[in-house]
Amino acid sequence: MDNKYKVLGTIISLIIFIMIGSSVFKLYKNEMEKYPQKAISYYEEQFNNAGDTLIINKYTDDYIIKYLIKYGESKGYKLKETKIENNLFFDDITLTFEKVK
């Protein structure tokens, strides 16, 4: 009889943990879907307020970097220099844009 309740308790605990885990995953996924748009809006604002040279020093993903280069070219900037600094947990990427005259 005791084993029956232990197994039942284990199954219920497992179901609760799965439900909590899936809820956390959904929240994380929703936030990560919002992140690229927030980052893109921030960098677009940087281009709009930039002068002759714009230096962007940020660790970010490849998608945003590719978008930044295309967006910069559409705003009249060309990519002058790219520096990648490898750190323990992430890469620091420095993009230097120059206004095309």
PDB file of N, CA and C in Angstrom:
ATOM      1  N   MET A   1       0.812  -1.186   0.000  1.00  0.00           N
ATOM      2  CA  MET A   1       0.000   0.000   0.000  1.00  0.00           C
ATOM      3  C   MET A   1       0.862   1.259   0.000  1.00  0.00           C
ATOM      4  N   ASP A   2       1.970   1.238   0.779  1.00  0.00           N
ATOM      5  CA  ASP A   2       2.861   2.397   0.835  1.00  0.00           C
ATOM      6  C   ASP A   2       3.527   2.665  -0.511  1.00  0.00           C
ATOM      7  N   ASN A   3       3.910   1.588  -1.202  1.00  0.00           N
ATOM      8  CA  ASN A   3       4.553   1.753  -2.513  1.00  0.00           C
ATOM      9  C   ASN A   3       3.610   2.401  -3.509  1.00  0.00           C
ATOM     10  N   LYS A   4       2.347   2.067  -3.408  1.00  0.00           N
ATOM     11  CA  LYS A   4       1.345   2.627  -4.314  1.00  0.00           C
ATOM     12  C   LYS A   4       1.278   4.150  -4.162  1.00  0.00           C
ATOM     13  N   TYR A   5       1.314   4.641  -2.921  1.00  0.00           N
ATOM     14  CA  TYR A   5       1.262   6.088  -2.681  1.00  0.00           C
ATOM     15  C   TYR A   5       2.562   6.784  -3.084  1.00  0.00           C
ATOM     16  N   LYS A   6       3.694   6.097  -2.914  1.00  0.00           N
ATOM     17  CA  LYS A   6       4.976   6.669  -3.334  1.00  0.00           C
ATOM     18  C   LYS A   6       5.008   6.845  -4.848  1.00  0.00           C
ATOM     19  N   VAL A   7       4.555   5.837  -5.563  1.00  0.00           N
ATOM     20  CA  VAL A   7       4.526   5.906  -7.026  1.00  0.00           C
ATOM     21  C   VAL A   7       3.558   6.993  -7.473  1.00  0.00           C
ATOM     22  N   LEU A   8       2.404   7.047  -6.844  1.00  0.00           N
ATOM     23  CA  LEU A   8       1.415   8.067  -7.184  1.00  0.00           C
ATOM     24  C   LEU A   8       1.960   9.466  -6.890  1.00  0.00           C
ATOM     25  N   GLY A   9       2.621   9.640  -5.758  1.00  0.00           N
ATOM     26  CA  GLY A   9       3.227  10.927  -5.408  1.00  0.00           C
ATOM     27  C   GLY A   9       4.319  11.317  -6.390  1.00  0.00           C
ATOM     28  N   THR A  10       5.110  10.354  -6.813  1.00  0.00           N
ATOM     29  CA  THR A  10       6.172  10.613  -7.790  1.00  0.00           C
ATOM     30  C   THR A  10       5.583  11.030  -9.129  1.00  0.00           C
ATOM     31  N   ILE A  11       4.540  10.365  -9.551  1.00  0.00           N
ATOM     32  CA  ILE A  11       3.900  10.702 -10.827  1.00  0.00           C
ATOM     33  C   ILE A  11       3.291  12.102 -10.768  1.00  0.00           C
ATOM     34  N   ILE A  12       2.621  12.421  -9.677  1.00  0.00           N
ATOM     35  CA  ILE A  12       2.025  13.754  -9.532  1.00  0.00           C
ATOM     36  C   ILE A  12       3.116  14.826  -9.512  1.00  0.00           C
ATOM     37  N   SER A  13       4.199  14.573  -8.776  1.00  0.00           N
ATOM     38  CA  SER A  13       5.322  15.527  -8.744  1.00  0.00           C
ATOM     39  C   SER A  13       5.910  15.721 -10.131  1.00  0.00           C
ATOM     40  N   LEU A  14       6.061  14.637 -10.861  1.00  0.00           N
ATOM     41  CA  LEU A  14       6.604  14.710 -12.214  1.00  0.00           C
ATOM     42  C   LEU A  14       5.701  15.544 -13.119  1.00  0.00           C
ATOM     43  N   ILE A  15       4.411  15.342 -13.025  1.00  0.00           N
ATOM     44  CA  ILE A  15       3.459  16.116 -13.833  1.00  0.00           C
ATOM     45  C   ILE A  15       3.541  17.601 -13.479  1.00  0.00           C
ATOM     46  N   ILE A  16       3.631  17.911 -12.187  1.00  0.00           N
ATOM     47  CA  ILE A  16       3.733  19.315 -11.761  1.00  0.00           C
ATOM     48  C   ILE A  16       5.012  19.943 -12.304  1.00  0.00           C
ATOM     49  N   PHE A  17       6.145  19.239 -12.206  1.00  0.00           N
ATOM     50  CA  PHE A  17       7.409  19.776 -12.717  1.00  0.00           C
ATOM     51  C   PHE A  17       7.371  19.980 -14.226  1.00  0.00           C
ATOM     52  N   ILE A  18       6.735  19.070 -14.938  1.00  0.00           N
ATOM     53  CA  ILE A  18       6.609  19.223 -16.394  1.00  0.00           C
ATOM     54  C   ILE A  18       5.764  20.447 -16.723  1.00  0.00           C
ATOM     55  N   MET A  19       4.676  20.648 -15.991  1.00  0.00           N
ATOM     56  CA  MET A  19       3.820  21.814 -16.239  1.00  0.00           C
ATOM     57  C   MET A  19       4.571  23.112 -15.947  1.00  0.00           C
ATOM     58  N   ILE A  20       5.307  23.155 -14.844  1.00  0.00           N
ATOM     59  CA  ILE A  20       6.085  24.354 -14.509  1.00  0.00           C
ATOM     60  C   ILE A  20       7.160  24.592 -15.560  1.00  0.00           C
ATOM     61  N   GLY A  21       7.854  23.529 -15.956  1.00  0.00           N
ATOM     62  CA  GLY A  21       8.909  23.655 -16.965  1.00  0.00           C
ATOM     63  C   GLY A  21       8.383  24.149 -18.297  1.00  0.00           C
ATOM     64  N   SER A  22       7.245  23.637 -18.716  1.00  0.00           N
ATOM     65  CA  SER A  22       6.695  24.088 -20.001  1.00  0.00           C
ATOM     66  C   SER A  22       6.232  25.538 -19.921  1.00  0.00           C
ATOM     67  N   SER A  23       5.714  25.957 -18.772  1.00  0.00           N
ATOM     68  CA  SER A  23       5.302  27.361 -18.610  1.00  0.00           C
ATOM     69  C   SER A  23       6.502  28.293 -18.667  1.00  0.00           C
ATOM     70  N   VAL A  24       7.578  27.922 -17.990  1.00  0.00           N
ATOM     71  CA  VAL A  24       8.795  28.737 -18.015  1.00  0.00           C
ATOM     72  C   VAL A  24       9.350  28.796 -19.432  1.00  0.00           C
ATOM     73  N   PHE A  25       9.335  27.674 -20.137  1.00  0.00           N
ATOM     74  CA  PHE A  25       9.833  27.651 -21.514  1.00  0.00           C
ATOM     75  C   PHE A  25       9.013  28.571 -22.414  1.00  0.00           C
ATOM     76  N   LYS A  26       7.689  28.555 -22.256  1.00  0.00           N
ATOM     77  CA  LYS A  26       6.837  29.427 -23.073  1.00  0.00           C
ATOM     78  C   LYS A  26       7.119  30.897 -22.793  1.00  0.00           C
ATOM     79  N   LEU A  27       7.277  31.251 -21.523  1.00  0.00           N
ATOM     80  CA  LEU A  27       7.594  32.640 -21.174  1.00  0.00           C
ATOM     81  C   LEU A  27       8.941  33.054 -21.756  1.00  0.00           C
ATOM     82  N   TYR A  28       9.932  32.179 -21.653  1.00  0.00           N
ATOM     83  CA  TYR A  28      11.267  32.468 -22.182  1.00  0.00           C
ATOM     84  C   TYR A  28      11.220  32.625 -23.699  1.00  0.00           C
ATOM     85  N   LYS A  29      10.487  31.745 -24.356  1.00  0.00           N
ATOM     86  CA  LYS A  29      10.376  31.804 -25.814  1.00  0.00           C
ATOM     87  C   LYS A  29       9.706  33.101 -26.251  1.00  0.00           C
ATOM     88  N   ASN A  30       8.651  33.510 -25.568  1.00  0.00           N
ATOM     89  CA  ASN A  30       7.977  34.763 -25.909  1.00  0.00           C
ATOM     90  C   ASN A  30       8.903  35.950 -25.739  1.00  0.00           C
ATOM     91  N   GLU A  31       9.689  35.972 -24.671  1.00  0.00           N
ATOM     92  CA  GLU A  31      10.606  37.087 -24.431  1.00  0.00           C
ATOM     93  C   GLU A  31      11.711  37.102 -25.485  1.00  0.00           C
ATOM     94  N   MET A  32      12.202  35.935 -25.877  1.00  0.00           N
ATOM     95  CA  MET A  32      13.269  35.880 -26.878  1.00  0.00           C
ATOM     96  C   MET A  32      12.753  36.275 -28.260  1.00  0.00           C
ATOM     97  N   GLU A  33      11.470  36.086 -28.526  1.00  0.00           N
ATOM     98  CA  GLU A  33      10.915  36.545 -29.796  1.00  0.00           C
ATOM     99  C   GLU A  33      10.816  38.064 -29.827  1.00  0.00           C
ATOM    100  N   LYS A  34      10.621  38.686 -28.670  1.00  0.00           N
ATOM    101  CA  LYS A  34      10.542  40.142 -28.597  1.00  0.00           C
ATOM    102  C   LYS A  34      11.921  40.782 -28.663  1.00  0.00           C
ATOM    103  N   TYR A  35      12.963  40.080 -28.204  1.00  0.00           N
ATOM    104  CA  TYR A  35      14.295  40.667 -28.095  1.00  0.00           C
ATOM    105  C   TYR A  35      14.842  41.201 -29.411  1.00  0.00           C
ATOM    106  N   PRO A  36      14.827  40.433 -30.517  1.00  0.00           N
ATOM    107  CA  PRO A  36      15.410  40.981 -31.749  1.00  0.00           C
ATOM    108  C   PRO A  36      14.765  42.286 -32.182  1.00  0.00           C
ATOM    109  N   GLN A  37      13.460  42.414 -32.030  1.00  0.00           N
ATOM    110  CA  GLN A  37      12.802  43.650 -32.451  1.00  0.00           C
ATOM    111  C   GLN A  37      13.220  44.817 -31.573  1.00  0.00           C
ATOM    112  N   LYS A  38      13.366  44.581 -30.266  1.00  0.00           N
ATOM    113  CA  LYS A  38      13.833  45.640 -29.365  1.00  0.00           C
ATOM    114  C   LYS A  38      15.246  46.065 -29.733  1.00  0.00           C
ATOM    115  N   ALA A  39      16.103  45.085 -30.009  1.00  0.00           N
ATOM    116  CA  ALA A  39      17.489  45.398 -30.358  1.00  0.00           C
ATOM    117  C   ALA A  39      17.562  46.132 -31.687  1.00  0.00           C
ATOM    118  N   ILE A  40      16.786  45.699 -32.654  1.00  0.00           N
ATOM    119  CA  ILE A  40      16.789  46.348 -33.969  1.00  0.00           C
ATOM    120  C   ILE A  40      16.328  47.794 -33.835  1.00  0.00           C
ATOM    121  N   SER A  41      15.287  48.038 -33.066  1.00  0.00           N
ATOM    122  CA  SER A  41      14.806  49.412 -32.877  1.00  0.00           C
ATOM    123  C   SER A  41      15.872  50.282 -32.230  1.00  0.00           C
ATOM    124  N   TYR A  42      16.582  49.731 -31.272  1.00  0.00           N
ATOM    125  CA  TYR A  42      17.646  50.483 -30.594  1.00  0.00           C
ATOM    126  C   TYR A  42      18.747  50.867 -31.581  1.00  0.00           C
ATOM    127  N   TYR A  43      19.181  49.908 -32.395  1.00  0.00           N
ATOM    128  CA  TYR A  43      20.274  50.184 -33.332  1.00  0.00           C
ATOM    129  C   TYR A  43      19.830  51.109 -34.465  1.00  0.00           C
ATOM    130  N   GLU A  44      18.579  51.005 -34.890  1.00  0.00           N
ATOM    131  CA  GLU A  44      18.075  51.939 -35.902  1.00  0.00           C
ATOM    132  C   GLU A  44      18.128  53.365 -35.366  1.00  0.00           C
ATOM    133  N   GLU A  45      17.798  53.531 -34.105  1.00  0.00           N
ATOM    134  CA  GLU A  45      17.865  54.854 -33.484  1.00  0.00           C
ATOM    135  C   GLU A  45      19.311  55.356 -33.431  1.00  0.00           C
ATOM    136  N   GLN A  46      20.250  54.454 -33.200  1.00  0.00           N
ATOM    137  CA  GLN A  46      21.663  54.842 -33.179  1.00  0.00           C
ATOM    138  C   GLN A  46      22.104  55.364 -34.546  1.00  0.00           C
ATOM    139  N   PHE A  47      21.671  54.710 -35.613  1.00  0.00           N
ATOM    140  CA  PHE A  47      22.019  55.173 -36.962  1.00  0.00           C
ATOM    141  C   PHE A  47      21.386  56.530 -37.253  1.00  0.00           C
ATOM    142  N   ASN A  48      20.159  56.715 -36.822  1.00  0.00           N
ATOM    143  CA  ASN A  48      19.470  57.978 -37.091  1.00  0.00           C
ATOM    144  C   ASN A  48      20.120  59.153 -36.372  1.00  0.00           C
ATOM    145  N   ASN A  49      20.743  58.915 -35.226  1.00  0.00           N
ATOM    146  CA  ASN A  49      21.364  59.979 -34.447  1.00  0.00           C
ATOM    147  C   ASN A  49      22.876  60.075 -34.651  1.00  0.00           C
ATOM    148  N   ALA A  50      23.436  59.265 -35.545  1.00  0.00           N
ATOM    149  CA  ALA A  50      24.896  59.206 -35.708  1.00  0.00           C
ATOM    150  C   ALA A  50      25.408  60.340 -36.580  1.00  0.00           C
ATOM    151  N   GLY A  51      26.695  60.608 -36.423  1.00  0.00           N
ATOM    152  CA  GLY A  51      27.362  61.608 -37.252  1.00  0.00           C
ATOM    153  C   GLY A  51      28.085  60.924 -38.399  1.00  0.00           C
ATOM    154  N   ASP A  52      29.360  61.290 -38.616  1.00  0.00           N
ATOM    155  CA  ASP A  52      30.141  60.708 -39.707  1.00  0.00           C
ATOM    156  C   ASP A  52      30.614  59.294 -39.399  1.00  0.00           C
ATOM    157  N   THR A  53      30.824  58.990 -38.127  1.00  0.00           N
ATOM    158  CA  THR A  53      31.307  57.671 -37.725  1.00  0.00           C
ATOM    159  C   THR A  53      30.399  57.121 -36.633  1.00  0.00           C
ATOM    160  N   LEU A  54      30.102  55.849 -36.738  1.00  0.00           N
ATOM    161  CA  LEU A  54      29.276  55.181 -35.732  1.00  0.00           C
ATOM    162  C   LEU A  54      29.992  53.915 -35.305  1.00  0.00           C
ATOM    163  N   ILE A  55      30.249  53.789 -34.022  1.00  0.00           N
ATOM    164  CA  ILE A  55      30.892  52.592 -33.482  1.00  0.00           C
ATOM    165  C   ILE A  55      29.871  51.871 -32.613  1.00  0.00           C
ATOM    166  N   ILE A  56      29.610  50.629 -32.958  1.00  0.00           N
ATOM    167  CA  ILE A  56      28.678  49.811 -32.187  1.00  0.00           C
ATOM    168  C   ILE A  56      29.489  48.705 -31.543  1.00  0.00           C
ATOM    169  N   ASN A  57      29.532  48.699 -30.235  1.00  0.00           N
ATOM    170  CA  ASN A  57      30.272  47.691 -29.485  1.00  0.00           C
ATOM    171  C   ASN A  57      29.272  46.924 -28.648  1.00  0.00           C
ATOM    172  N   LYS A  58      28.968  45.730 -29.077  1.00  0.00           N
ATOM    173  CA  LYS A  58      27.932  44.974 -28.390  1.00  0.00           C
ATOM    174  C   LYS A  58      28.132  43.504 -28.661  1.00  0.00           C
ATOM    175  N   TYR A  59      27.823  42.686 -27.681  1.00  0.00           N
ATOM    176  CA  TYR A  59      27.744  41.261 -27.953  1.00  0.00           C
ATOM    177  C   TYR A  59      26.321  40.978 -28.387  1.00  0.00           C
ATOM    178  N   THR A  60      26.190  40.367 -29.510  1.00  0.00           N
ATOM    179  CA  THR A  60      24.869  40.131 -30.070  1.00  0.00           C
ATOM    180  C   THR A  60      24.939  38.937 -31.014  1.00  0.00           C
ATOM    181  N   ASP A  61      23.831  38.570 -31.590  1.00  0.00           N
ATOM    182  CA  ASP A  61      23.806  37.403 -32.458  1.00  0.00           C
ATOM    183  C   ASP A  61      24.033  37.789 -33.919  1.00  0.00           C
ATOM    184  N   ASP A  62      24.293  36.771 -34.738  1.00  0.00           N
ATOM    185  CA  ASP A  62      24.626  36.989 -36.147  1.00  0.00           C
ATOM    186  C   ASP A  62      23.489  37.638 -36.920  1.00  0.00           C
ATOM    187  N   TYR A  63      22.247  37.291 -36.583  1.00  0.00           N
ATOM    188  CA  TYR A  63      21.102  37.852 -37.303  1.00  0.00           C
ATOM    189  C   TYR A  63      21.097  39.371 -37.198  1.00  0.00           C
ATOM    190  N   ILE A  64      21.290  39.887 -35.994  1.00  0.00           N
ATOM    191  CA  ILE A  64      21.245  41.333 -35.798  1.00  0.00           C
ATOM    192  C   ILE A  64      22.435  42.002 -36.474  1.00  0.00           C
ATOM    193  N   ILE A  65      23.592  41.358 -36.455  1.00  0.00           N
ATOM    194  CA  ILE A  65      24.771  41.943 -37.110  1.00  0.00           C
ATOM    195  C   ILE A  65      24.540  42.046 -38.612  1.00  0.00           C
ATOM    196  N   LYS A  66      24.022  40.990 -39.221  1.00  0.00           N
ATOM    197  CA  LYS A  66      23.732  41.037 -40.661  1.00  0.00           C
ATOM    198  C   LYS A  66      22.708  42.129 -40.962  1.00  0.00           C
ATOM    199  N   TYR A  67      21.699  42.244 -40.112  1.00  0.00           N
ATOM    200  CA  TYR A  67      20.688  43.283 -40.291  1.00  0.00           C
ATOM    201  C   TYR A  67      21.308  44.667 -40.142  1.00  0.00           C
ATOM    202  N   LEU A  68      22.192  44.834 -39.158  1.00  0.00           N
ATOM    203  CA  LEU A  68      22.835  46.134 -38.940  1.00  0.00           C
ATOM    204  C   LEU A  68      23.642  46.569 -40.151  1.00  0.00           C
ATOM    205  N   ILE A  69      24.362  45.639 -40.737  1.00  0.00           N
ATOM    206  CA  ILE A  69      25.177  45.979 -41.909  1.00  0.00           C
ATOM    207  C   ILE A  69      24.273  46.412 -43.062  1.00  0.00           C
ATOM    208  N   LYS A  70      23.212  45.653 -43.319  1.00  0.00           N
ATOM    209  CA  LYS A  70      22.283  46.021 -44.399  1.00  0.00           C
ATOM    210  C   LYS A  70      21.597  47.355 -44.108  1.00  0.00           C
ATOM    211  N   TYR A  71      21.182  47.543 -42.866  1.00  0.00           N
ATOM    212  CA  TYR A  71      20.495  48.779 -42.500  1.00  0.00           C
ATOM    213  C   TYR A  71      21.446  49.969 -42.608  1.00  0.00           C
ATOM    214  N   GLY A  72      22.684  49.786 -42.162  1.00  0.00           N
ATOM    215  CA  GLY A  72      23.676  50.857 -42.263  1.00  0.00           C
ATOM    216  C   GLY A  72      23.939  51.254 -43.701  1.00  0.00           C
ATOM    217  N   GLU A  73      24.031  50.263 -44.583  1.00  0.00           N
ATOM    218  CA  GLU A  73      24.243  50.563 -46.004  1.00  0.00           C
ATOM    219  C   GLU A  73      23.049  51.310 -46.584  1.00  0.00           C
ATOM    220  N   SER A  74      21.849  50.970 -46.138  1.00  0.00           N
ATOM    221  CA  SER A  74      20.670  51.668 -46.659  1.00  0.00           C
ATOM    222  C   SER A  74      20.592  53.109 -46.146  1.00  0.00           C
ATOM    223  N   LYS A  75      21.238  53.396 -45.026  1.00  0.00           N
ATOM    224  CA  LYS A  75      21.250  54.747 -44.462  1.00  0.00           C
ATOM    225  C   LYS A  75      22.467  55.558 -44.910  1.00  0.00           C
ATOM    226  N   GLY A  76      23.286  54.993 -45.799  1.00  0.00           N
ATOM    227  CA  GLY A  76      24.427  55.733 -46.324  1.00  0.00           C
ATOM    228  C   GLY A  76      25.722  55.513 -45.561  1.00  0.00           C
ATOM    229  N   TYR A  77      25.814  54.451 -44.799  1.00  0.00           N
ATOM    230  CA  TYR A  77      27.036  54.109 -44.072  1.00  0.00           C
ATOM    231  C   TYR A  77      27.650  52.872 -44.699  1.00  0.00           C
ATOM    232  N   LYS A  78      28.975  52.779 -44.627  1.00  0.00           N
ATOM    233  CA  LYS A  78      29.627  51.542 -45.047  1.00  0.00           C
ATOM    234  C   LYS A  78      30.404  50.996 -43.862  1.00  0.00           C
ATOM    235  N   LEU A  79      30.513  49.684 -43.813  1.00  0.00           N
ATOM    236  CA  LEU A  79      31.227  49.026 -42.729  1.00  0.00           C
ATOM    237  C   LEU A  79      32.717  49.209 -42.955  1.00  0.00           C
ATOM    238  N   LYS A  80      33.364  49.906 -42.043  1.00  0.00           N
ATOM    239  CA  LYS A  80      34.787  50.194 -42.178  1.00  0.00           C
ATOM    240  C   LYS A  80      35.629  49.116 -41.516  1.00  0.00           C
ATOM    241  N   GLU A  81      35.214  48.677 -40.344  1.00  0.00           N
ATOM    242  CA  GLU A  81      36.040  47.748 -39.579  1.00  0.00           C
ATOM    243  C   GLU A  81      35.163  46.870 -38.694  1.00  0.00           C
ATOM    244  N   THR A  82      35.593  45.621 -38.531  1.00  0.00           N
ATOM    245  CA  THR A  82      34.921  44.690 -37.634  1.00  0.00           C
ATOM    246  C   THR A  82      35.969  44.063 -36.729  1.00  0.00           C
ATOM    247  N   LYS A  83      35.737  44.119 -35.439  1.00  0.00           N
ATOM    248  CA  LYS A  83      36.628  43.466 -34.475  1.00  0.00           C
ATOM    249  C   LYS A  83      35.807  42.470 -33.679  1.00  0.00           C
ATOM    250  N   ILE A  84      36.353  41.276 -33.530  1.00  0.00           N
ATOM    251  CA  ILE A  84      35.695  40.253 -32.717  1.00  0.00           C
ATOM    252  C   ILE A  84      36.658  39.862 -31.607  1.00  0.00           C
ATOM    253  N   GLU A  85      36.208  40.009 -30.385  1.00  0.00           N
ATOM    254  CA  GLU A  85      37.023  39.682 -29.219  1.00  0.00           C
ATOM    255  C   GLU A  85      36.372  38.503 -28.515  1.00  0.00           C
ATOM    256  N   ASN A  86      37.074  37.389 -28.456  1.00  0.00           N
ATOM    257  CA  ASN A  86      36.518  36.185 -27.840  1.00  0.00           C
ATOM    258  C   ASN A  86      36.682  36.245 -26.330  1.00  0.00           C
ATOM    259  N   ASN A  87      35.584  36.118 -25.632  1.00  0.00           N
ATOM    260  CA  ASN A  87      35.578  36.046 -24.175  1.00  0.00           C
ATOM    261  C   ASN A  87      35.130  34.662 -23.754  1.00  0.00           C
ATOM    262  N   LEU A  88      35.070  34.447 -22.469  1.00  0.00           N
ATOM    263  CA  LEU A  88      34.735  33.125 -21.958  1.00  0.00           C
ATOM    264  C   LEU A  88      33.307  32.708 -22.307  1.00  0.00           C
ATOM    265  N   PHE A  89      32.342  33.592 -22.116  1.00  0.00           N
ATOM    266  CA  PHE A  89      30.943  33.219 -22.312  1.00  0.00           C
ATOM    267  C   PHE A  89      30.332  33.737 -23.608  1.00  0.00           C
ATOM    268  N   PHE A  90      30.880  34.807 -24.178  1.00  0.00           N
ATOM    269  CA  PHE A  90      30.302  35.390 -25.379  1.00  0.00           C
ATOM    270  C   PHE A  90      31.382  36.138 -26.139  1.00  0.00           C
ATOM    271  N   ASP A  91      31.062  36.548 -27.339  1.00  0.00           N
ATOM    272  CA  ASP A  91      31.992  37.309 -28.169  1.00  0.00           C
ATOM    273  C   ASP A  91      31.588  38.775 -28.158  1.00  0.00           C
ATOM    274  N   ASP A  92      32.571  39.644 -27.974  1.00  0.00           N
ATOM    275  CA  ASP A  92      32.344  41.081 -28.120  1.00  0.00           C
ATOM    276  C   ASP A  92      32.591  41.437 -29.570  1.00  0.00           C
ATOM    277  N   ILE A  93      31.643  42.069 -30.194  1.00  0.00           N
ATOM    278  CA  ILE A  93      31.770  42.441 -31.597  1.00  0.00           C
ATOM    279  C   ILE A  93      31.699  43.954 -31.697  1.00  0.00           C
ATOM    280  N   THR A  94      32.708  44.546 -32.317  1.00  0.00           N
ATOM    281  CA  THR A  94      32.732  45.985 -32.518  1.00  0.00           C
ATOM    282  C   THR A  94      32.623  46.257 -34.007  1.00  0.00           C
ATOM    283  N   LEU A  95      31.587  46.969 -34.393  1.00  0.00           N
ATOM    284  CA  LEU A  95      31.389  47.351 -35.788  1.00  0.00           C
ATOM    285  C   LEU A  95      31.628  48.847 -35.901  1.00  0.00           C
ATOM    286  N   THR A  96      32.455  49.235 -36.859  1.00  0.00           N
ATOM    287  CA  THR A  96      32.707  50.649 -37.097  1.00  0.00           C
ATOM    288  C   THR A  96      32.150  51.000 -38.466  1.00  0.00           C
ATOM    289  N   PHE A  97      31.185  51.903 -38.485  1.00  0.00           N
ATOM    290  CA  PHE A  97      30.572  52.365 -39.726  1.00  0.00           C
ATOM    291  C   PHE A  97      31.049  53.774 -40.022  1.00  0.00           C
ATOM    292  N   GLU A  98      31.189  54.056 -41.302  1.00  0.00           N
ATOM    293  CA  GLU A  98      31.611  55.386 -41.737  1.00  0.00           C
ATOM    294  C   GLU A  98      30.608  55.912 -42.755  1.00  0.00           C
ATOM    295  N   LYS A  99      30.256  57.172 -42.631  1.00  0.00           N
ATOM    296  CA  LYS A  99      29.293  57.797 -43.544  1.00  0.00           C
ATOM    297  C   LYS A  99      29.924  57.930 -44.927  1.00  0.00           C
ATOM    298  N   VAL A 100      29.211  57.482 -45.953  1.00  0.00           N
ATOM    299  CA  VAL A 100      29.675  57.612 -47.332  1.00  0.00           C
ATOM    300  C   VAL A 100      29.315  59.009 -47.804  1.00  0.00           C
ATOM    301  N   LYS A 101      30.301  59.714 -48.323  1.00  0.00           N
ATOM    302  CA  LYS A 101      30.065  61.111 -48.744  1.00  0.00           C
ATOM    303  C   LYS A 101      29.879  61.212 -50.230  1.00  0.00           C
TER     304      LYS A 101
END
